[in-house]
């Protein structure tokens, strides 16, 4: 991932642009330039795993559909920013997933696994247009953050996410800062997904 510290006009703002790409040792992958997730074939029962990114403002429910592999964020220096690295299993067996960050020690990254809690009904006296997850409830909703970077027993058709928090230093210098976030699905073969950015216009 590459981080741009906007300068000179917006000296206190950090711009982060993300996208999912595939590393050389990632097999059975389907990637295109169109909006949408990355698809990795597992080699088992013709199944696959979808990988995508979400902001911290969108909840990922057990039956959430995959989003886009591209994400752009803004953060202030001396602040925090969070986003989600997500996956959805489309294979018959259980899935083991792992998330790690490489080369971002200066941002003190923290990775947590998003858990679910039961919610028995929608919020009363609230218009449906103001609620999210209307098509998911009653059911399980994402809420607790567990200090796990590797999880097992992700079921068929299930969507899960890892919550990644970055701490932006107060003295972060303008320029280009690069690090990687890896997602893997382990099902006999290991497929590593890296989050990178691409350089856009000079903001």
Protein backbone atom coordinates (compact mmCIF):
# COMPACT_ATOMS: atom_id res chain seq x y z
CA UNK A 1 0.00 0.00 0.00
CA UNK A 2 1.27 3.48 -0.78
CA UNK A 3 0.34 6.47 1.35
CA UNK A 4 0.43 10.04 0.07
CA UNK A 5 0.80 12.94 2.49
CA UNK A 6 -0.76 15.89 0.71
CA UNK A 7 1.51 18.91 0.46
CA UNK A 8 1.75 21.85 0.49
CA UNK A 9 -1.86 23.03 0.63
CA UNK A 10 -3.32 20.29 2.83
CA UNK A 11 -0.37 19.76 5.14
CA UNK A 12 -2.39 17.96 7.81
CA UNK A 13 -4.17 15.51 5.52
CA UNK A 14 -3.07 12.04 4.51
CA UNK A 15 -4.45 10.42 1.35
CA UNK A 16 -4.50 6.63 1.16
CA UNK A 17 -5.41 4.86 -2.06
CA UNK A 18 -5.83 1.10 -2.02
CA UNK A 19 -6.47 -1.67 -4.46
CA UNK A 20 -6.21 -5.44 -4.45
CA UNK A 21 -3.73 -7.08 -6.77
CA UNK A 22 -2.25 -10.55 -7.00
CA UNK A 23 1.29 -11.59 -6.15
CA UNK A 24 3.24 -13.99 -8.32
CA UNK A 25 2.70 -16.95 -6.00
CA UNK A 26 -1.08 -16.61 -6.09
CA UNK A 27 -2.54 -19.42 -8.19
CA UNK A 28 -5.96 -19.96 -9.71
CA UNK A 29 -6.80 -16.25 -9.81
CA UNK A 30 -9.27 -14.25 -11.83
CA UNK A 31 -8.54 -10.53 -12.05
CA UNK A 32 -10.00 -7.83 -14.24
CA UNK A 33 -9.92 -4.06 -14.46
CA UNK A 34 -13.65 -3.67 -13.92
CA UNK A 35 -15.14 -2.68 -10.55
CA UNK A 36 -15.63 -5.64 -8.25
CA UNK A 37 -13.71 -8.08 -6.05
CA UNK A 38 -10.77 -10.30 -6.81
CA UNK A 39 -11.72 -13.94 -7.33
CA UNK A 40 -9.35 -16.77 -6.40
CA UNK A 41 -10.18 -20.32 -7.46
CA UNK A 42 -9.51 -22.74 -4.60
CA UNK A 43 -9.12 -25.85 -6.70
CA UNK A 44 -11.65 -27.69 -4.54
CA UNK A 45 -15.08 -28.56 -5.87
CA UNK A 46 -14.73 -25.71 -8.38
CA UNK A 47 -15.08 -23.31 -5.47
CA UNK A 48 -13.60 -19.85 -5.11
CA UNK A 49 -12.95 -17.08 -2.61
CA UNK A 50 -13.80 -13.40 -3.18
CA UNK A 51 -11.53 -10.69 -1.74
CA UNK A 52 -12.42 -7.01 -1.48
CA UNK A 53 -12.05 -3.81 0.58
CA UNK A 54 -14.51 -1.77 2.60
CA UNK A 55 -14.34 1.43 4.61
CA UNK A 56 -14.93 1.42 8.35
CA UNK A 57 -18.40 2.87 7.73
CA UNK A 58 -19.92 -0.16 6.00
CA UNK A 59 -20.80 -3.26 7.99
CA UNK A 60 -19.97 -6.65 6.50
CA UNK A 61 -22.76 -9.11 7.37
CA UNK A 62 -22.55 -12.91 6.99
CA UNK A 63 -24.42 -12.69 3.67
CA UNK A 64 -22.94 -9.43 2.36
CA UNK A 65 -22.06 -9.51 -1.31
CA UNK A 66 -18.48 -8.78 -2.39
CA UNK A 67 -17.58 -5.16 -3.02
CA UNK A 68 -14.71 -3.55 -4.93
CA UNK A 69 -11.01 -4.27 -4.81
CA UNK A 70 -10.29 -0.52 -4.89
CA UNK A 71 -10.58 1.94 -2.01
CA UNK A 72 -9.54 5.54 -1.38
CA UNK A 73 -9.34 7.06 2.10
CA UNK A 74 -8.41 10.39 3.71
CA UNK A 75 -6.93 10.75 7.19
CA UNK A 76 -5.47 13.57 9.26
CA UNK A 77 -1.93 13.41 10.57
CA UNK A 78 -1.74 12.57 14.27
CA UNK A 79 -4.99 10.62 13.86
CA UNK A 80 -6.29 7.16 13.08
CA UNK A 81 -7.84 5.57 10.01
CA UNK A 82 -9.43 2.15 9.66
CA UNK A 83 -10.61 -0.02 6.78
CA UNK A 84 -11.64 -3.62 6.27
CA UNK A 85 -10.07 -6.44 4.28
CA UNK A 86 -12.93 -8.81 3.43
CA UNK A 87 -13.49 -12.24 1.97
CA UNK A 88 -16.44 -14.43 1.02
CA UNK A 89 -16.19 -18.20 0.67
CA UNK A 90 -17.82 -19.94 -2.26
CA UNK A 91 -16.52 -23.43 -1.61
CA UNK A 92 -18.09 -26.49 0.00
CA UNK A 93 -15.59 -26.92 2.84
CA UNK A 94 -14.54 -24.67 5.69
CA UNK A 95 -12.04 -21.90 5.04
CA UNK A 96 -9.06 -20.71 7.08
CA UNK A 97 -8.06 -17.08 6.57
CA UNK A 98 -5.13 -14.97 7.74
CA UNK A 99 -4.35 -11.25 7.54
CA UNK A 100 -1.03 -9.52 8.15
CA UNK A 101 0.63 -6.18 7.49
CA UNK A 102 4.19 -5.83 6.21
CA UNK A 103 6.43 -2.79 6.20
CA UNK A 104 4.09 -0.41 8.07
CA UNK A 105 5.82 -0.24 11.44
CA UNK A 106 5.69 3.56 11.40
CA UNK A 107 1.88 3.40 11.27
CA UNK A 108 1.63 0.92 14.17
CA UNK A 109 -1.02 -1.17 12.37
CA UNK A 110 -3.47 -3.17 14.43
CA UNK A 111 -5.41 -6.08 12.91
CA UNK A 112 -8.58 -7.47 14.47
CA UNK A 113 -11.12 -10.01 13.34
CA UNK A 114 -14.72 -8.80 13.16
CA UNK A 115 -17.12 -11.01 15.11
CA UNK A 116 -20.90 -11.31 15.01
CA UNK A 117 -23.65 -10.85 17.60
CA UNK A 118 -27.36 -11.67 17.23
CA UNK A 119 -29.82 -8.85 16.52
CA UNK A 120 -33.44 -9.94 16.81
CA UNK A 121 -35.16 -7.05 15.03
CA UNK A 122 -34.61 -3.76 13.24
CA UNK A 123 -34.35 -0.55 15.26
CA UNK A 124 -37.92 0.54 16.16
CA UNK A 125 -39.33 3.91 15.11
CA UNK A 126 -36.67 4.39 12.45
CA UNK A 127 -37.29 4.72 8.72
CA UNK A 128 -35.86 1.86 6.69
CA UNK A 129 -34.06 4.37 4.50
CA UNK A 130 -31.95 5.34 7.53
CA UNK A 131 -30.92 1.78 8.39
CA UNK A 132 -28.29 -0.49 6.93
CA UNK A 133 -28.55 -4.24 6.84
CA UNK A 134 -32.31 -4.16 6.31
CA UNK A 135 -32.09 -7.25 4.11
CA UNK A 136 -29.86 -9.00 6.68
CA UNK A 137 -32.01 -8.69 9.81
CA UNK A 138 -33.12 -10.34 11.99
CA UNK A 139 -29.83 -12.17 12.10
CA UNK A 140 -26.16 -11.77 12.94
CA UNK A 141 -24.51 -8.36 12.78
CA UNK A 142 -20.82 -7.39 12.94
CA UNK A 143 -19.82 -5.74 16.20
CA UNK A 144 -17.00 -7.12 18.41
CA UNK A 145 -13.38 -6.83 17.31
CA UNK A 146 -11.25 -9.81 18.35
CA UNK A 147 -7.42 -9.74 18.52
CA UNK A 148 -7.06 -12.52 15.95
CA UNK A 149 -5.12 -12.34 12.70
CA UNK A 150 -5.89 -15.93 11.72
CA UNK A 151 -9.27 -17.64 11.90
CA UNK A 152 -10.68 -21.02 10.96
CA UNK A 153 -14.12 -22.44 10.25
CA UNK A 154 -15.38 -19.81 7.80
CA UNK A 155 -18.37 -21.60 6.34
CA UNK A 156 -19.63 -21.93 2.77
CA UNK A 157 -21.24 -18.74 1.47
CA UNK A 158 -20.06 -16.76 4.50
CA UNK A 159 -18.60 -13.24 4.36
CA UNK A 160 -16.07 -12.14 7.00
CA UNK A 161 -13.69 -9.24 7.48
CA UNK A 162 -10.54 -8.09 9.24
CA UNK A 163 -10.49 -4.60 10.77
CA UNK A 164 -7.18 -2.80 10.15
CA UNK A 165 -6.37 0.38 12.08
CA UNK A 166 -3.51 2.69 11.12
CA UNK A 167 -2.01 5.35 13.39
CA UNK A 168 -0.86 8.31 11.30
CA UNK A 169 2.19 9.99 12.89
CA UNK A 170 1.98 13.68 13.73
CA UNK A 171 5.32 14.24 12.00
CA UNK A 172 4.54 12.20 8.89
CA UNK A 173 6.51 13.72 6.04
CA UNK A 174 4.96 14.52 2.67
CA UNK A 175 5.86 11.99 0.02
CA UNK A 176 5.29 8.37 -0.88
CA UNK A 177 5.02 5.68 1.80
CA UNK A 178 4.50 2.07 0.81
CA UNK A 179 3.48 -1.04 2.72
CA UNK A 180 1.53 -4.22 2.09
CA UNK A 181 -1.50 -5.89 3.60
CA UNK A 182 -1.72 -9.62 2.92
CA UNK A 183 -4.87 -11.73 2.93
CA UNK A 184 -4.58 -15.48 2.54
CA UNK A 185 -6.99 -18.34 2.24
CA UNK A 186 -5.53 -21.68 3.16
CA UNK A 187 -7.20 -24.69 1.63
CA UNK A 188 -4.38 -26.96 0.65
CA UNK A 189 -2.92 -24.11 -1.41
CA UNK A 190 -2.16 -20.69 -0.03
CA UNK A 191 -3.14 -17.62 -2.01
CA UNK A 192 -1.71 -14.30 -0.92
CA UNK A 193 -3.51 -11.12 -1.84
CA UNK A 194 -1.66 -7.80 -1.54
CA UNK A 195 -3.22 -4.39 -1.15
CA UNK A 196 -1.45 -1.72 -3.14
CA UNK A 197 -2.32 1.70 -4.41
CA UNK A 198 -1.75 3.36 -7.71
CA UNK A 199 -0.49 6.90 -8.17
CA UNK A 200 -3.27 9.28 -9.11
CA UNK A 201 -3.23 12.98 -9.90
CA UNK A 202 -1.18 15.38 -7.80
CA UNK A 203 -3.75 16.33 -5.18
